[in-house]
PDB file of all heavy atoms in Angstrom:
ATOM      1  N   GLU A   1     -83.890  52.755  70.792  1.00  0.00           N
ATOM      2  CA  GLU A   1     -82.735  52.077  70.178  1.00  0.00           C
ATOM      3  C   GLU A   1     -82.433  50.699  70.819  1.00  0.00           C
ATOM      4  O   GLU A   1     -82.063  49.779  70.062  1.00  0.00           O
ATOM      5  CB  GLU A   1     -81.515  52.974  70.430  1.00  0.00           C
ATOM      6  CG  GLU A   1     -81.495  54.156  69.492  1.00  0.00           C
ATOM      7  CD  GLU A   1     -80.340  55.106  69.776  1.00  0.00           C
ATOM      8  OE1 GLU A   1     -79.214  54.598  70.072  1.00  0.00           O
ATOM      9  OE2 GLU A   1     -80.436  56.309  69.648  1.00  0.00           O
ATOM     10  N   GLU A   2     -82.738  50.649  72.064  1.00  0.00           N
ATOM     11  CA  GLU A   2     -82.601  49.259  72.795  1.00  0.00           C
ATOM     12  C   GLU A   2     -83.579  48.255  72.134  1.00  0.00           C
ATOM     13  O   GLU A   2     -83.258  47.105  71.982  1.00  0.00           O
ATOM     14  CB  GLU A   2     -82.729  49.491  74.247  1.00  0.00           C
ATOM     15  CG  GLU A   2     -81.667  50.083  74.943  1.00  0.00           C
ATOM     16  CD  GLU A   2     -81.985  50.369  76.397  1.00  0.00           C
ATOM     17  OE1 GLU A   2     -82.967  49.850  77.007  1.00  0.00           O
ATOM     18  OE2 GLU A   2     -81.213  51.140  76.997  1.00  0.00           O
ATOM     19  N   LEU A   3     -84.739  48.784  71.896  1.00  0.00           N
ATOM     20  CA  LEU A   3     -85.729  47.770  71.293  1.00  0.00           C
ATOM     21  C   LEU A   3     -85.438  47.424  69.916  1.00  0.00           C
ATOM     22  O   LEU A   3     -85.828  46.340  69.400  1.00  0.00           O
ATOM     23  CB  LEU A   3     -87.198  48.500  71.377  1.00  0.00           C
ATOM     24  CG  LEU A   3     -87.730  48.480  72.778  1.00  0.00           C
ATOM     25  CD1 LEU A   3     -89.102  49.346  72.804  1.00  0.00           C
ATOM     26  CD2 LEU A   3     -88.116  47.136  73.289  1.00  0.00           C
ATOM     27  N   THR A   4     -84.866  48.386  69.081  1.00  0.00           N
ATOM     28  CA  THR A   4     -84.645  48.107  67.637  1.00  0.00           C
ATOM     29  C   THR A   4     -83.192  47.687  67.380  1.00  0.00           C
ATOM     30  O   THR A   4     -82.951  47.175  66.323  1.00  0.00           O
ATOM     31  CB  THR A   4     -85.002  49.327  66.776  1.00  0.00           C
ATOM     32  OG1 THR A   4     -84.097  50.415  67.255  1.00  0.00           O
ATOM     33  CG2 THR A   4     -86.401  49.733  66.916  1.00  0.00           C
ATOM     34  N   ALA A   5     -82.287  47.922  68.281  1.00  0.00           N
ATOM     35  CA  ALA A   5     -80.922  47.548  68.127  1.00  0.00           C
ATOM     36  C   ALA A   5     -80.156  48.588  67.184  1.00  0.00           C
ATOM     37  O   ALA A   5     -78.861  48.446  67.249  1.00  0.00           O
ATOM     38  CB  ALA A   5     -80.801  46.115  67.669  1.00  0.00           C
ATOM     39  N   THR A   6     -80.736  49.391  66.453  1.00  0.00           N
ATOM     40  CA  THR A   6     -79.952  50.435  65.718  1.00  0.00           C
ATOM     41  C   THR A   6     -80.740  51.750  65.702  1.00  0.00           C
ATOM     42  O   THR A   6     -81.976  51.841  65.785  1.00  0.00           O
ATOM     43  CB  THR A   6     -79.782  49.961  64.242  1.00  0.00           C
ATOM     44  OG1 THR A   6     -81.109  49.995  63.603  1.00  0.00           O
ATOM     45  CG2 THR A   6     -79.229  48.607  64.004  1.00  0.00           C
ATOM     46  N   LYS A   7     -79.938  52.822  65.634  1.00  0.00           N
ATOM     47  CA  LYS A   7     -80.476  54.180  65.577  1.00  0.00           C
ATOM     48  C   LYS A   7     -81.311  54.316  64.386  1.00  0.00           C
ATOM     49  O   LYS A   7     -82.405  54.993  64.442  1.00  0.00           O
ATOM     50  CB  LYS A   7     -79.438  55.152  65.696  1.00  0.00           C
ATOM     51  CG  LYS A   7     -79.894  56.636  65.582  1.00  0.00           C
ATOM     52  CD  LYS A   7     -79.460  57.446  66.734  1.00  0.00           C
ATOM     53  CE  LYS A   7     -79.893  58.858  66.636  1.00  0.00           C
ATOM     54  NZ  LYS A   7     -81.209  59.188  67.075  1.00  0.00           N
ATOM     55  N   SER A   8     -80.952  53.835  63.172  1.00  0.00           N
ATOM     56  CA  SER A   8     -81.645  54.102  61.934  1.00  0.00           C
ATOM     57  C   SER A   8     -83.058  53.574  62.010  1.00  0.00           C
ATOM     58  O   SER A   8     -83.954  54.041  61.418  1.00  0.00           O
ATOM     59  CB  SER A   8     -80.858  53.587  60.831  1.00  0.00           C
ATOM     60  OG  SER A   8     -80.753  52.262  60.885  1.00  0.00           O
ATOM     61  N   LYS A   9     -83.216  52.395  62.648  1.00  0.00           N
ATOM     62  CA  LYS A   9     -84.501  51.753  62.794  1.00  0.00           C
ATOM     63  C   LYS A   9     -85.402  52.429  63.851  1.00  0.00           C
ATOM     64  O   LYS A   9     -86.634  52.306  63.746  1.00  0.00           O
ATOM     65  CB  LYS A   9     -84.355  50.225  63.123  1.00  0.00           C
ATOM     66  CG  LYS A   9     -83.752  49.379  61.933  1.00  0.00           C
ATOM     67  CD  LYS A   9     -83.737  48.046  62.364  1.00  0.00           C
ATOM     68  CE  LYS A   9     -83.086  47.265  61.273  1.00  0.00           C
ATOM     69  NZ  LYS A   9     -83.050  45.771  61.693  1.00  0.00           N
ATOM     70  N   SER A  10     -84.776  53.100  64.856  1.00  0.00           N
ATOM     71  CA  SER A  10     -85.589  53.629  65.947  1.00  0.00           C
ATOM     72  C   SER A  10     -86.547  54.631  65.588  1.00  0.00           C
ATOM     73  O   SER A  10     -87.687  54.718  66.127  1.00  0.00           O
ATOM     74  CB  SER A  10     -84.677  54.115  67.033  1.00  0.00           C
ATOM     75  OG  SER A  10     -84.022  55.220  66.689  1.00  0.00           O
ATOM     76  N   ASP A  11     -86.237  55.486  64.576  1.00  0.00           N
ATOM     77  CA  ASP A  11     -87.138  56.569  64.143  1.00  0.00           C
ATOM     78  C   ASP A  11     -88.429  56.037  63.402  1.00  0.00           C
ATOM     79  O   ASP A  11     -89.543  56.369  63.732  1.00  0.00           O
ATOM     80  CB  ASP A  11     -86.511  57.609  63.232  1.00  0.00           C
ATOM     81  CG  ASP A  11     -85.547  58.436  63.921  1.00  0.00           C
ATOM     82  OD1 ASP A  11     -85.656  58.595  65.159  1.00  0.00           O
ATOM     83  OD2 ASP A  11     -84.618  58.994  63.263  1.00  0.00           O
ATOM     84  N   SER A  12     -88.202  55.046  62.583  1.00  0.00           N
ATOM     85  CA  SER A  12     -89.340  54.366  61.939  1.00  0.00           C
ATOM     86  C   SER A  12     -90.179  53.528  62.963  1.00  0.00           C
ATOM     87  O   SER A  12     -91.376  53.484  62.854  1.00  0.00           O
ATOM     88  CB  SER A  12     -88.937  53.495  60.702  1.00  0.00           C
ATOM     89  OG  SER A  12     -88.126  52.501  61.170  1.00  0.00           O
ATOM     90  N   PHE A  13     -89.498  52.925  63.987  1.00  0.00           N
ATOM     91  CA  PHE A  13     -90.190  52.218  64.949  1.00  0.00           C
ATOM     92  C   PHE A  13     -91.127  53.143  65.814  1.00  0.00           C
ATOM     93  O   PHE A  13     -92.167  52.833  66.137  1.00  0.00           O
ATOM     94  CB  PHE A  13     -89.234  51.395  65.836  1.00  0.00           C
ATOM     95  CG  PHE A  13     -89.762  50.441  66.702  1.00  0.00           C
ATOM     96  CD1 PHE A  13     -90.576  49.406  66.268  1.00  0.00           C
ATOM     97  CD2 PHE A  13     -89.701  50.543  68.149  1.00  0.00           C
ATOM     98  CE1 PHE A  13     -91.011  48.407  66.950  1.00  0.00           C
ATOM     99  CE2 PHE A  13     -90.294  49.608  68.870  1.00  0.00           C
ATOM    100  CZ  PHE A  13     -91.007  48.506  68.390  1.00  0.00           C
ATOM    101  N   ARG A  14     -90.516  54.268  66.200  1.00  0.00           N
ATOM    102  CA  ARG A  14     -91.256  55.182  66.928  1.00  0.00           C
ATOM    103  C   ARG A  14     -92.558  55.702  66.130  1.00  0.00           C
ATOM    104  O   ARG A  14     -93.560  55.737  66.723  1.00  0.00           O
ATOM    105  CB  ARG A  14     -90.392  56.503  67.295  1.00  0.00           C
ATOM    106  CG  ARG A  14     -91.214  57.533  68.091  1.00  0.00           C
ATOM    107  CD  ARG A  14     -90.375  58.700  68.465  1.00  0.00           C
ATOM    108  NE  ARG A  14     -89.887  59.353  67.285  1.00  0.00           N
ATOM    109  CZ  ARG A  14     -88.607  59.808  67.118  1.00  0.00           C
ATOM    110  NH1 ARG A  14     -87.742  59.546  68.147  1.00  0.00           N
ATOM    111  NH2 ARG A  14     -88.188  60.361  66.093  1.00  0.00           N
ATOM    112  N   SER A  15     -92.414  55.903  64.957  1.00  0.00           N
ATOM    113  CA  SER A  15     -93.438  56.264  64.066  1.00  0.00           C
ATOM    114  C   SER A  15     -94.511  55.196  64.006  1.00  0.00           C
ATOM    115  O   SER A  15     -95.711  55.358  64.113  1.00  0.00           O
ATOM    116  CB  SER A  15     -92.955  56.581  62.549  1.00  0.00           C
ATOM    117  OG  SER A  15     -94.079  56.800  61.768  1.00  0.00           O
ATOM    118  N   LYS A  16     -94.133  53.862  63.959  1.00  0.00           N
ATOM    119  CA  LYS A  16     -94.996  52.704  63.969  1.00  0.00           C
ATOM    120  C   LYS A  16     -95.740  52.696  65.308  1.00  0.00           C
ATOM    121  O   LYS A  16     -96.963  52.513  65.362  1.00  0.00           O
ATOM    122  CB  LYS A  16     -94.212  51.450  63.686  1.00  0.00           C
ATOM    123  CG  LYS A  16     -95.072  50.192  63.661  1.00  0.00           C
ATOM    124  CD  LYS A  16     -94.189  48.992  63.455  1.00  0.00           C
ATOM    125  CE  LYS A  16     -94.982  47.720  63.294  1.00  0.00           C
ATOM    126  NZ  LYS A  16     -94.113  46.628  62.850  1.00  0.00           N
ATOM    127  N   LEU A  17     -95.044  52.888  66.348  1.00  0.00           N
ATOM    128  CA  LEU A  17     -95.741  52.921  67.714  1.00  0.00           C
ATOM    129  C   LEU A  17     -96.802  54.053  67.807  1.00  0.00           C
ATOM    130  O   LEU A  17     -97.868  53.778  68.266  1.00  0.00           O
ATOM    131  CB  LEU A  17     -94.750  53.008  68.849  1.00  0.00           C
ATOM    132  CG  LEU A  17     -93.741  51.908  69.024  1.00  0.00           C
ATOM    133  CD1 LEU A  17     -92.811  52.326  70.173  1.00  0.00           C
ATOM    134  CD2 LEU A  17     -94.420  50.543  69.265  1.00  0.00           C
ATOM    135  N   GLY A  18     -96.372  55.149  67.271  1.00  0.00           N
ATOM    136  CA  GLY A  18     -97.262  56.363  67.293  1.00  0.00           C
ATOM    137  C   GLY A  18     -98.458  56.129  66.562  1.00  0.00           C
ATOM    138  O   GLY A  18     -99.653  56.362  66.940  1.00  0.00           O
ATOM    139  N   THR A  19     -98.390  55.431  65.402  1.00  0.00           N
ATOM    140  CA  THR A  19     -99.556  55.130  64.563  1.00  0.00           C
ATOM    141  C   THR A  19    -100.484  54.186  65.293  1.00  0.00           C
ATOM    142  O   THR A  19    -101.768  54.410  65.291  1.00  0.00           O
ATOM    143  CB  THR A  19     -99.114  54.481  63.198  1.00  0.00           C
ATOM    144  OG1 THR A  19     -98.287  55.378  62.544  1.00  0.00           O
ATOM    145  CG2 THR A  19    -100.311  53.993  62.428  1.00  0.00           C
ATOM    146  N   HIS A  20    -100.001  53.212  65.978  1.00  0.00           N
ATOM    147  CA  HIS A  20    -100.886  52.205  66.720  1.00  0.00           C
ATOM    148  C   HIS A  20    -101.470  52.939  67.935  1.00  0.00           C
ATOM    149  O   HIS A  20    -102.524  52.670  68.365  1.00  0.00           O
ATOM    150  CB  HIS A  20     -99.958  50.935  67.141  1.00  0.00           C
ATOM    151  CG  HIS A  20     -99.767  50.064  65.943  1.00  0.00           C
ATOM    152  ND1 HIS A  20    -100.390  48.915  65.792  1.00  0.00           N
ATOM    153  CD2 HIS A  20     -98.874  50.196  64.861  1.00  0.00           C
ATOM    154  CE1 HIS A  20    -100.001  48.323  64.725  1.00  0.00           C
ATOM    155  NE2 HIS A  20     -99.115  49.049  64.098  1.00  0.00           N
ATOM    156  N   ILE A  21    -100.672  53.743  68.609  1.00  0.00           N
ATOM    157  CA  ILE A  21    -101.178  54.454  69.745  1.00  0.00           C
ATOM    158  C   ILE A  21    -102.337  55.353  69.438  1.00  0.00           C
ATOM    159  O   ILE A  21    -103.404  55.401  70.056  1.00  0.00           O
ATOM    160  CB  ILE A  21    -100.083  55.193  70.508  1.00  0.00           C
ATOM    161  CG1 ILE A  21     -99.149  54.172  71.264  1.00  0.00           C
ATOM    162  CG2 ILE A  21    -100.720  56.162  71.646  1.00  0.00           C
ATOM    163  CD1 ILE A  21     -97.824  54.794  71.805  1.00  0.00           C
ATOM    164  N   LYS A  22    -102.118  56.114  68.303  1.00  0.00           N
ATOM    165  CA  LYS A  22    -103.260  57.070  67.871  1.00  0.00           C
ATOM    166  C   LYS A  22    -104.509  56.265  67.539  1.00  0.00           C
ATOM    167  O   LYS A  22    -105.594  56.661  67.810  1.00  0.00           O
ATOM    168  CB  LYS A  22    -102.778  57.712  66.555  1.00  0.00           C
ATOM    169  CG  LYS A  22    -101.849  58.857  66.744  1.00  0.00           C
ATOM    170  CD  LYS A  22    -101.571  59.526  65.463  1.00  0.00           C
ATOM    171  CE  LYS A  22    -100.173  60.287  65.545  1.00  0.00           C
ATOM    172  NZ  LYS A  22     -99.846  60.900  64.276  1.00  0.00           N
ATOM    173  N   ALA A  23    -104.362  55.061  66.928  1.00  0.00           N
ATOM    174  CA  ALA A  23    -105.544  54.198  66.514  1.00  0.00           C
ATOM    175  C   ALA A  23    -106.263  53.741  67.789  1.00  0.00           C
ATOM    176  O   ALA A  23    -107.490  53.440  67.720  1.00  0.00           O
ATOM    177  CB  ALA A  23    -105.077  53.024  65.598  1.00  0.00           C
ATOM    178  N   ASN A  24    -105.534  53.595  68.913  1.00  0.00           N
ATOM    179  CA  ASN A  24    -106.252  53.017  70.049  1.00  0.00           C
ATOM    180  C   ASN A  24    -106.530  54.110  71.179  1.00  0.00           C
ATOM    181  O   ASN A  24    -107.132  53.798  72.272  1.00  0.00           O
ATOM    182  CB  ASN A  24    -105.238  51.908  70.657  1.00  0.00           C
ATOM    183  CG  ASN A  24    -105.267  50.753  69.817  1.00  0.00           C
ATOM    184  OD1 ASN A  24    -106.248  49.867  69.835  1.00  0.00           O
ATOM    185  ND2 ASN A  24    -104.229  50.557  68.934  1.00  0.00           N
ATOM    186  N   PHE A  25    -106.019  55.311  71.030  1.00  0.00           N
ATOM    187  CA  PHE A  25    -105.950  56.271  72.085  1.00  0.00           C
ATOM    188  C   PHE A  25    -107.325  56.585  72.699  1.00  0.00           C
ATOM    189  O   PHE A  25    -107.570  56.493  73.752  1.00  0.00           O
ATOM    190  CB  PHE A  25    -105.301  57.570  71.542  1.00  0.00           C
ATOM    191  CG  PHE A  25    -105.216  58.644  72.679  1.00  0.00           C
ATOM    192  CD1 PHE A  25    -104.212  58.535  73.608  1.00  0.00           C
ATOM    193  CD2 PHE A  25    -106.234  59.600  72.740  1.00  0.00           C
ATOM    194  CE1 PHE A  25    -104.197  59.403  74.644  1.00  0.00           C
ATOM    195  CE2 PHE A  25    -106.093  60.573  73.814  1.00  0.00           C
ATOM    196  CZ  PHE A  25    -105.127  60.472  74.800  1.00  0.00           C
ATOM    197  N   SER A  26    -108.316  56.855  71.746  1.00  0.00           N
ATOM    198  CA  SER A  26    -109.672  57.244  72.274  1.00  0.00           C
ATOM    199  C   SER A  26    -110.249  56.169  73.133  1.00  0.00           C
ATOM    200  O   SER A  26    -110.887  56.378  74.134  1.00  0.00           O
ATOM    201  CB  SER A  26    -110.585  57.702  71.302  1.00  0.00           C
ATOM    202  OG  SER A  26    -110.237  57.695  69.990  1.00  0.00           O
ATOM    203  N   GLU A  27    -110.199  54.863  72.660  1.00  0.00           N
ATOM    204  CA  GLU A  27    -110.694  53.750  73.347  1.00  0.00           C
ATOM    205  C   GLU A  27    -110.098  53.538  74.745  1.00  0.00           C
ATOM    206  O   GLU A  27    -110.688  53.296  75.756  1.00  0.00           O
ATOM    207  CB  GLU A  27    -110.698  52.473  72.608  1.00  0.00           C
ATOM    208  CG  GLU A  27    -111.425  51.273  73.114  1.00  0.00           C
ATOM    209  CD  GLU A  27    -112.849  51.526  73.138  1.00  0.00           C
ATOM    210  OE1 GLU A  27    -113.411  52.313  72.311  1.00  0.00           O
ATOM    211  OE2 GLU A  27    -113.511  50.820  73.931  1.00  0.00           O
ATOM    212  N   VAL A  28    -108.742  53.611  74.723  1.00  0.00           N
ATOM    213  CA  VAL A  28    -108.005  53.444  75.939  1.00  0.00           C
ATOM    214  C   VAL A  28    -108.355  54.640  76.893  1.00  0.00           C
ATOM    215  O   VAL A  28    -108.567  54.374  78.133  1.00  0.00           O
ATOM    216  CB  VAL A  28    -106.456  53.414  75.737  1.00  0.00           C
ATOM    217  CG1 VAL A  28    -105.672  53.408  77.032  1.00  0.00           C
ATOM    218  CG2 VAL A  28    -106.115  52.087  74.918  1.00  0.00           C
ATOM    219  N   LYS A  29    -108.355  55.782  76.401  1.00  0.00           N
ATOM    220  CA  LYS A  29    -108.690  56.974  77.249  1.00  0.00           C
ATOM    221  C   LYS A  29    -110.067  56.910  77.884  1.00  0.00           C
ATOM    222  O   LYS A  29    -110.215  57.080  79.033  1.00  0.00           O
ATOM    223  CB  LYS A  29    -108.637  58.269  76.388  1.00  0.00           C
ATOM    224  CG  LYS A  29    -109.137  59.467  77.112  1.00  0.00           C
ATOM    225  CD  LYS A  29    -109.282  60.704  76.171  1.00  0.00           C
ATOM    226  CE  LYS A  29    -110.041  61.775  76.957  1.00  0.00           C
ATOM    227  NZ  LYS A  29    -110.434  62.805  76.120  1.00  0.00           N
TER     228      LYS A  29
END
């Protein structure tokens, strides 16, 4: 919420972060 400034945007932002983390996870690991 602090990063997005609103609760409604925080869920979609978390989903966006999750998508990017999944895409990079194996390489980072």
